[in-house]
Amino acid sequence: MLQVVPMPAPHCVAAVRIGRLASLALFLELACYPKPGLVSFVDNGAHRDMDAQTLLASIDALSGYFPEIAEAGADHAPLAELRDLGRAAEIRMLTATQGVNTHRGAIFAIGLLCAAAGRRMAIGTAPDPVDIACDVGQLWGATLGTDRSAAPITNGQKVRHRYGANGARGEAAAGFPTIRRAVLPRLEAFRRHPRAAASDALFASLAVLEDTNLLHRGGAEGLGFVRQEARQVLRLGGVRTGPGHRRAVALHKECIRRNLSPGGTADMLSAGLFLKLLAT
């Protein structure tokens, strides 16, 4: 007897698309170059425990997480349920990378954005990037700002306590202001100049973000140095200009020498790319 398989509900279809674009955003972040101290297909940056293949394995391991959390968002799941999905995804990531933290920040940031996007698309609302970023703050900001649920103490948490930096939680609770004000404006040129726009968006984020990864590796001095250099790259016209590109590559090499890597900035770029893709 022929078995009729029901078509997925409209928001299920949307969740699949959301998940696919989230994974693509992680790949585009990996492919971006130059980006100071970070892993790309060119080199490993300031990382000795991972390379491009490690990140590709991580992206593959997370491919089911993003549509799953988008579906949960469409079903108005509480933050506790979203958190559980993220923790399960983190276990899959660590299994795929043999214990290397490749995308913990992206699991958090892009995961919440996927949930917010799923919630909007389930009711037929246009996936406006700024609105989705703001939705995260409006829906879960109060809880994110006060939640201290049991979890392993991360380097980012230690840095937030020491330096008073907002970190990933603060960004999400405020509706991702760095993405809205720094990353997305630079990605306006993405269709014409995808690689250069992505790199410039990273430098724009780097110029303003209190990157807890930089604070962990280089303290306030390291953060200040990279911020200042990122601003110089942008003043020179970004990586599409010869002087800007040379300054960006020089900063990358110096970050490798100083063992500096702005992982939080990479997360903001990935999240911004996801929102940009979702709106196109």
Foldseek 3Di string as FASTA:
>chain_A
DDDDDDDDDQLLVVLLVLLVLLLVLLLLLQCFPDDAQPAHPVFHRQDPLDHPVLSVLLSVLCSVLRSVLLVCLLVVHDVVVLVVSLVVSQVSSCVSNVRDPDQSLLSPQSSQLSSLQSNQVSVPHALQLQVSLQVLLVRCLVCLVPDDDDDDDDLLNVLCVVPVFCPSSNCSNRSNPLLVPQQQVLCVCCVVPVNQSLNLSLLSSLLDHPQSQQCSQPNPVSSVVSNVLSVVLVVQPGCVDPVSVVSSVVSNVVCSVSSGDRPRSSSSSSSSSSSVVSND
